[in-house]
Amino acid sequence: KQWNIVIETYQKGGDGVVLSPQALYRLSKSLAFRGDVRAELGQKKKLESSLLGAVDDYKKAIEIGSSPETQIKLGTVYSALGRYAEAEEKFSGIIAGNVGNEVRARAYN
């Protein structure tokens, strides 16, 4: 519930919240963190609705401030949903981007 409050506050841009680069970064991170929670819940309890919520959160986070780690997480959730072509696309994009051995290794673990 707290993630929802943070995300809704930033998205509305009201209540004195200034949408500075730092605020957008925080919004992206908050979306990714909420996506992590939804993905974990969806995988543990086999809840497709939670996995789909994670997909939405990760996509929004990537749209605001893409990071290789969020791309990998999105690919992992696609894989959990059986959407293997989309998962492969995310993982291949990370590898093609040559973002480093550590991130590349995580894409396939």
N, C-alpha and C. Protein backbone atom coordinates (compact mmCIF):
# COMPACT_ATOMS: atom_id res chain seq x y z
N LYS A 1 0.82 -1.20 0.00
CA LYS A 1 0.00 0.00 0.00
C LYS A 1 0.86 1.26 0.00
N GLN A 2 1.97 1.23 0.72
CA GLN A 2 2.85 2.40 0.77
C GLN A 2 3.44 2.72 -0.59
N TRP A 3 3.78 1.67 -1.38
CA TRP A 3 4.30 1.92 -2.72
C TRP A 3 3.25 2.66 -3.54
N ASN A 4 2.00 2.25 -3.41
CA ASN A 4 0.92 2.90 -4.16
C ASN A 4 0.82 4.37 -3.82
N ILE A 5 0.95 4.71 -2.55
CA ILE A 5 0.87 6.10 -2.11
C ILE A 5 2.00 6.91 -2.73
N VAL A 6 3.21 6.39 -2.66
CA VAL A 6 4.37 7.10 -3.22
C VAL A 6 4.19 7.30 -4.72
N ILE A 7 3.83 6.24 -5.41
CA ILE A 7 3.69 6.30 -6.87
C ILE A 7 2.58 7.25 -7.28
N GLU A 8 1.44 7.15 -6.63
CA GLU A 8 0.32 8.03 -6.97
C GLU A 8 0.66 9.49 -6.70
N THR A 9 1.38 9.76 -5.62
CA THR A 9 1.77 11.13 -5.30
C THR A 9 2.67 11.70 -6.39
N TYR A 10 3.67 10.93 -6.79
CA TYR A 10 4.58 11.41 -7.83
C TYR A 10 3.87 11.56 -9.17
N GLN A 11 2.99 10.62 -9.50
CA GLN A 11 2.31 10.68 -10.79
C GLN A 11 1.36 11.87 -10.87
N LYS A 12 0.72 12.20 -9.77
CA LYS A 12 -0.18 13.35 -9.77
C LYS A 12 0.59 14.65 -9.87
N GLY A 13 1.78 14.68 -9.28
CA GLY A 13 2.59 15.89 -9.32
C GLY A 13 2.03 16.99 -8.43
N GLY A 14 1.06 16.71 -7.64
CA GLY A 14 0.47 17.71 -6.74
C GLY A 14 1.12 17.65 -5.37
N ASP A 15 0.47 18.29 -4.44
CA ASP A 15 0.93 18.28 -3.04
C ASP A 15 2.36 18.79 -2.90
N GLY A 16 2.76 19.71 -3.73
CA GLY A 16 4.09 20.30 -3.62
C GLY A 16 5.21 19.45 -4.16
N VAL A 17 4.88 18.34 -4.80
CA VAL A 17 5.91 17.47 -5.36
C VAL A 17 6.37 18.07 -6.68
N VAL A 18 7.65 18.34 -6.76
CA VAL A 18 8.23 18.90 -7.98
C VAL A 18 8.79 17.74 -8.80
N LEU A 19 8.40 17.66 -10.05
CA LEU A 19 8.88 16.57 -10.89
C LEU A 19 10.24 16.92 -11.49
N SER A 20 11.21 16.94 -10.62
CA SER A 20 12.59 17.18 -11.01
C SER A 20 13.19 15.87 -11.51
N PRO A 21 14.39 15.91 -12.04
CA PRO A 21 15.03 14.66 -12.44
C PRO A 21 15.15 13.67 -11.27
N GLN A 22 15.40 14.19 -10.07
CA GLN A 22 15.49 13.33 -8.90
C GLN A 22 14.13 12.69 -8.59
N ALA A 23 13.05 13.46 -8.73
CA ALA A 23 11.71 12.93 -8.47
C ALA A 23 11.36 11.84 -9.49
N LEU A 24 11.72 12.07 -10.75
CA LEU A 24 11.46 11.06 -11.77
C LEU A 24 12.27 9.79 -11.51
N TYR A 25 13.50 9.97 -11.06
CA TYR A 25 14.34 8.83 -10.70
C TYR A 25 13.68 8.04 -9.56
N ARG A 26 13.21 8.76 -8.55
CA ARG A 26 12.55 8.10 -7.41
C ARG A 26 11.27 7.39 -7.85
N LEU A 27 10.52 8.01 -8.75
CA LEU A 27 9.31 7.37 -9.26
C LEU A 27 9.67 6.08 -9.99
N SER A 28 10.69 6.13 -10.83
CA SER A 28 11.13 4.94 -11.54
C SER A 28 11.54 3.85 -10.57
N LYS A 29 12.31 4.20 -9.55
CA LYS A 29 12.75 3.23 -8.55
C LYS A 29 11.57 2.68 -7.77
N SER A 30 10.61 3.54 -7.41
CA SER A 30 9.44 3.08 -6.67
C SER A 30 8.61 2.10 -7.50
N LEU A 31 8.44 2.41 -8.77
CA LEU A 31 7.72 1.49 -9.66
C LEU A 31 8.44 0.15 -9.74
N ALA A 32 9.76 0.20 -9.87
CA ALA A 32 10.54 -1.04 -9.96
C ALA A 32 10.45 -1.83 -8.66
N PHE A 33 10.51 -1.16 -7.52
CA PHE A 33 10.39 -1.85 -6.24
C PHE A 33 9.01 -2.49 -6.08
N ARG A 34 7.97 -1.76 -6.46
CA ARG A 34 6.63 -2.34 -6.39
C ARG A 34 6.53 -3.52 -7.36
N GLY A 35 7.15 -3.39 -8.52
CA GLY A 35 7.19 -4.51 -9.46
C GLY A 35 7.87 -5.72 -8.86
N ASP A 36 8.95 -5.49 -8.09
CA ASP A 36 9.64 -6.60 -7.43
C ASP A 36 8.70 -7.34 -6.47
N VAL A 37 7.95 -6.57 -5.69
CA VAL A 37 7.02 -7.17 -4.73
C VAL A 37 5.95 -7.97 -5.46
N ARG A 38 5.38 -7.37 -6.50
CA ARG A 38 4.34 -8.07 -7.26
C ARG A 38 4.88 -9.32 -7.95
N ALA A 39 6.08 -9.22 -8.50
CA ALA A 39 6.68 -10.37 -9.19
C ALA A 39 6.92 -11.51 -8.21
N GLU A 40 7.47 -11.18 -7.06
CA GLU A 40 7.74 -12.22 -6.06
C GLU A 40 6.44 -12.87 -5.58
N LEU A 41 5.45 -12.06 -5.29
CA LEU A 41 4.16 -12.58 -4.86
C LEU A 41 3.54 -13.45 -5.96
N GLY A 42 3.60 -12.97 -7.18
CA GLY A 42 3.03 -13.72 -8.30
C GLY A 42 3.70 -15.05 -8.52
N GLN A 43 5.03 -15.08 -8.37
CA GLN A 43 5.76 -16.32 -8.59
C GLN A 43 5.53 -17.30 -7.44
N LYS A 44 5.51 -16.81 -6.21
CA LYS A 44 5.34 -17.70 -5.06
C LYS A 44 3.93 -18.25 -4.96
N LYS A 45 2.93 -17.42 -5.26
CA LYS A 45 1.54 -17.84 -5.09
C LYS A 45 0.87 -18.19 -6.41
N LYS A 46 1.65 -18.16 -7.49
CA LYS A 46 1.13 -18.46 -8.83
C LYS A 46 -0.06 -17.56 -9.19
N LEU A 47 0.11 -16.27 -8.92
CA LEU A 47 -0.94 -15.29 -9.21
C LEU A 47 -0.59 -14.53 -10.48
N GLU A 48 -1.29 -14.83 -11.56
CA GLU A 48 -1.03 -14.16 -12.82
C GLU A 48 -1.30 -12.67 -12.71
N SER A 49 -2.31 -12.29 -11.94
CA SER A 49 -2.64 -10.86 -11.81
C SER A 49 -1.48 -10.08 -11.19
N SER A 50 -0.78 -10.67 -10.24
CA SER A 50 0.38 -10.01 -9.64
C SER A 50 1.52 -9.91 -10.64
N LEU A 51 1.73 -10.97 -11.42
CA LEU A 51 2.77 -10.93 -12.44
C LEU A 51 2.48 -9.88 -13.49
N LEU A 52 1.22 -9.77 -13.90
CA LEU A 52 0.84 -8.75 -14.88
C LEU A 52 1.00 -7.35 -14.29
N GLY A 53 0.73 -7.19 -13.00
CA GLY A 53 0.96 -5.92 -12.33
C GLY A 53 2.45 -5.57 -12.32
N ALA A 54 3.28 -6.59 -12.11
CA ALA A 54 4.73 -6.37 -12.15
C ALA A 54 5.17 -5.93 -13.54
N VAL A 55 4.62 -6.55 -14.58
CA VAL A 55 4.94 -6.16 -15.96
C VAL A 55 4.61 -4.69 -16.16
N ASP A 56 3.44 -4.27 -15.72
CA ASP A 56 3.05 -2.86 -15.87
C ASP A 56 4.00 -1.93 -15.13
N ASP A 57 4.35 -2.30 -13.89
CA ASP A 57 5.26 -1.46 -13.11
C ASP A 57 6.63 -1.38 -13.76
N TYR A 58 7.17 -2.51 -14.19
CA TYR A 58 8.49 -2.51 -14.82
C TYR A 58 8.48 -1.70 -16.12
N LYS A 59 7.43 -1.84 -16.91
CA LYS A 59 7.36 -1.07 -18.17
C LYS A 59 7.33 0.43 -17.88
N LYS A 60 6.55 0.84 -16.90
CA LYS A 60 6.50 2.27 -16.54
C LYS A 60 7.85 2.74 -16.02
N ALA A 61 8.49 1.92 -15.19
CA ALA A 61 9.81 2.28 -14.66
C ALA A 61 10.82 2.45 -15.79
N ILE A 62 10.79 1.54 -16.76
CA ILE A 62 11.71 1.60 -17.89
C ILE A 62 11.44 2.83 -18.75
N GLU A 63 10.18 3.15 -18.90
CA GLU A 63 9.81 4.32 -19.69
C GLU A 63 10.37 5.61 -19.07
N ILE A 64 10.36 5.66 -17.75
CA ILE A 64 10.85 6.85 -17.04
C ILE A 64 12.36 6.88 -16.98
N GLY A 65 12.95 5.77 -16.62
CA GLY A 65 14.40 5.73 -16.46
C GLY A 65 14.90 4.30 -16.61
N SER A 66 15.18 3.91 -17.82
CA SER A 66 15.55 2.53 -18.11
C SER A 66 16.85 2.14 -17.41
N SER A 67 16.85 0.93 -16.89
CA SER A 67 18.08 0.37 -16.32
C SER A 67 18.18 -1.08 -16.76
N PRO A 68 19.38 -1.58 -16.94
CA PRO A 68 19.53 -2.98 -17.35
C PRO A 68 18.88 -3.95 -16.36
N GLU A 69 19.00 -3.64 -15.08
CA GLU A 69 18.43 -4.54 -14.07
C GLU A 69 16.92 -4.62 -14.18
N THR A 70 16.26 -3.51 -14.43
CA THR A 70 14.80 -3.52 -14.58
C THR A 70 14.42 -4.26 -15.85
N GLN A 71 15.21 -4.12 -16.90
CA GLN A 71 14.96 -4.86 -18.14
C GLN A 71 15.04 -6.37 -17.88
N ILE A 72 16.04 -6.79 -17.11
CA ILE A 72 16.20 -8.21 -16.77
C ILE A 72 15.01 -8.70 -15.95
N LYS A 73 14.59 -7.89 -14.99
CA LYS A 73 13.45 -8.28 -14.16
C LYS A 73 12.19 -8.42 -15.01
N LEU A 74 12.00 -7.52 -15.96
CA LEU A 74 10.84 -7.61 -16.85
C LEU A 74 10.93 -8.89 -17.67
N GLY A 75 12.10 -9.20 -18.19
CA GLY A 75 12.29 -10.43 -18.94
C GLY A 75 12.00 -11.67 -18.10
N THR A 76 12.40 -11.64 -16.85
CA THR A 76 12.15 -12.76 -15.94
C THR A 76 10.66 -12.96 -15.71
N VAL A 77 9.92 -11.87 -15.55
CA VAL A 77 8.48 -11.97 -15.34
C VAL A 77 7.80 -12.46 -16.63
N TYR A 78 8.25 -11.95 -17.78
CA TYR A 78 7.72 -12.47 -19.04
C TYR A 78 7.90 -13.99 -19.11
N SER A 79 9.06 -14.45 -18.71
CA SER A 79 9.34 -15.88 -18.72
C SER A 79 8.40 -16.63 -17.78
N ALA A 80 8.16 -16.09 -16.58
CA ALA A 80 7.25 -16.72 -15.62
C ALA A 80 5.82 -16.79 -16.17
N LEU A 81 5.48 -15.83 -17.02
CA LEU A 81 4.15 -15.82 -17.63
C LEU A 81 4.07 -16.69 -18.89
N GLY A 82 5.21 -17.28 -19.28
CA GLY A 82 5.23 -18.09 -20.48
C GLY A 82 5.35 -17.27 -21.76
N ARG A 83 5.70 -16.01 -21.61
CA ARG A 83 5.85 -15.12 -22.77
C ARG A 83 7.34 -15.09 -23.15
N TYR A 84 7.78 -16.23 -23.67
CA TYR A 84 9.20 -16.45 -23.88
C TYR A 84 9.82 -15.58 -24.96
N ALA A 85 9.08 -15.27 -26.00
CA ALA A 85 9.63 -14.41 -27.06
C ALA A 85 9.93 -13.02 -26.52
N GLU A 86 9.02 -12.50 -25.68
CA GLU A 86 9.25 -11.18 -25.09
C GLU A 86 10.40 -11.22 -24.08
N ALA A 87 10.49 -12.33 -23.34
CA ALA A 87 11.60 -12.49 -22.40
C ALA A 87 12.93 -12.51 -23.13
N GLU A 88 12.99 -13.31 -24.20
CA GLU A 88 14.22 -13.41 -24.99
C GLU A 88 14.61 -12.05 -25.57
N GLU A 89 13.62 -11.28 -26.00
CA GLU A 89 13.89 -9.95 -26.55
C GLU A 89 14.56 -9.06 -25.50
N LYS A 90 14.05 -9.10 -24.27
CA LYS A 90 14.63 -8.28 -23.19
C LYS A 90 16.05 -8.73 -22.89
N PHE A 91 16.24 -10.06 -22.73
CA PHE A 91 17.57 -10.57 -22.41
C PHE A 91 18.56 -10.30 -23.54
N SER A 92 18.14 -10.49 -24.77
CA SER A 92 19.02 -10.25 -25.91
C SER A 92 19.41 -8.78 -26.01
N GLY A 93 18.46 -7.90 -25.69
CA GLY A 93 18.75 -6.47 -25.71
C GLY A 93 19.83 -6.09 -24.71
N ILE A 94 19.79 -6.71 -23.55
CA ILE A 94 20.80 -6.44 -22.53
C ILE A 94 22.16 -6.95 -23.00
N ILE A 95 22.19 -8.14 -23.53
CA ILE A 95 23.45 -8.72 -23.98
C ILE A 95 24.01 -7.91 -25.15
N ALA A 96 23.15 -7.53 -26.09
CA ALA A 96 23.60 -6.75 -27.24
C ALA A 96 24.10 -5.38 -26.82
N GLY A 97 23.54 -4.85 -25.74
CA GLY A 97 23.96 -3.55 -25.24
C GLY A 97 25.31 -3.57 -24.56
N ASN A 98 25.84 -4.80 -24.33
CA ASN A 98 27.16 -4.96 -23.73
C ASN A 98 27.32 -4.12 -22.47
N VAL A 99 26.41 -4.33 -21.52
CA VAL A 99 26.42 -3.52 -20.30
C VAL A 99 27.30 -4.09 -19.20
N GLY A 100 28.06 -5.10 -19.50
CA GLY A 100 28.99 -5.63 -18.50
C GLY A 100 28.69 -7.08 -18.16
N ASN A 101 29.73 -7.76 -17.74
CA ASN A 101 29.60 -9.19 -17.45
C ASN A 101 28.65 -9.49 -16.32
N GLU A 102 28.63 -8.64 -15.29
CA GLU A 102 27.77 -8.90 -14.13
C GLU A 102 26.31 -8.90 -14.53
N VAL A 103 25.89 -7.87 -15.26
CA VAL A 103 24.49 -7.78 -15.67
C VAL A 103 24.19 -8.87 -16.69
N ARG A 104 25.11 -9.12 -17.60
CA ARG A 104 24.90 -10.14 -18.61
C ARG A 104 24.69 -11.50 -17.96
N ALA A 105 25.45 -11.80 -16.95
CA ALA A 105 25.32 -13.08 -16.27
C ALA A 105 23.97 -13.19 -15.57
N ARG A 106 23.50 -12.11 -14.99
CA ARG A 106 22.21 -12.15 -14.30
C ARG A 106 21.06 -12.36 -15.26
N ALA A 107 21.22 -12.00 -16.52
CA ALA A 107 20.14 -12.15 -17.49
C ALA A 107 19.80 -13.63 -17.71
N TYR A 108 20.75 -14.49 -17.49
CA TYR A 108 20.51 -15.91 -17.73
C TYR A 108 20.56 -16.75 -16.46
N ASN A 109 20.54 -16.12 -15.31
CA ASN A 109 20.50 -16.86 -14.03
C ASN A 109 19.21 -16.63 -13.32
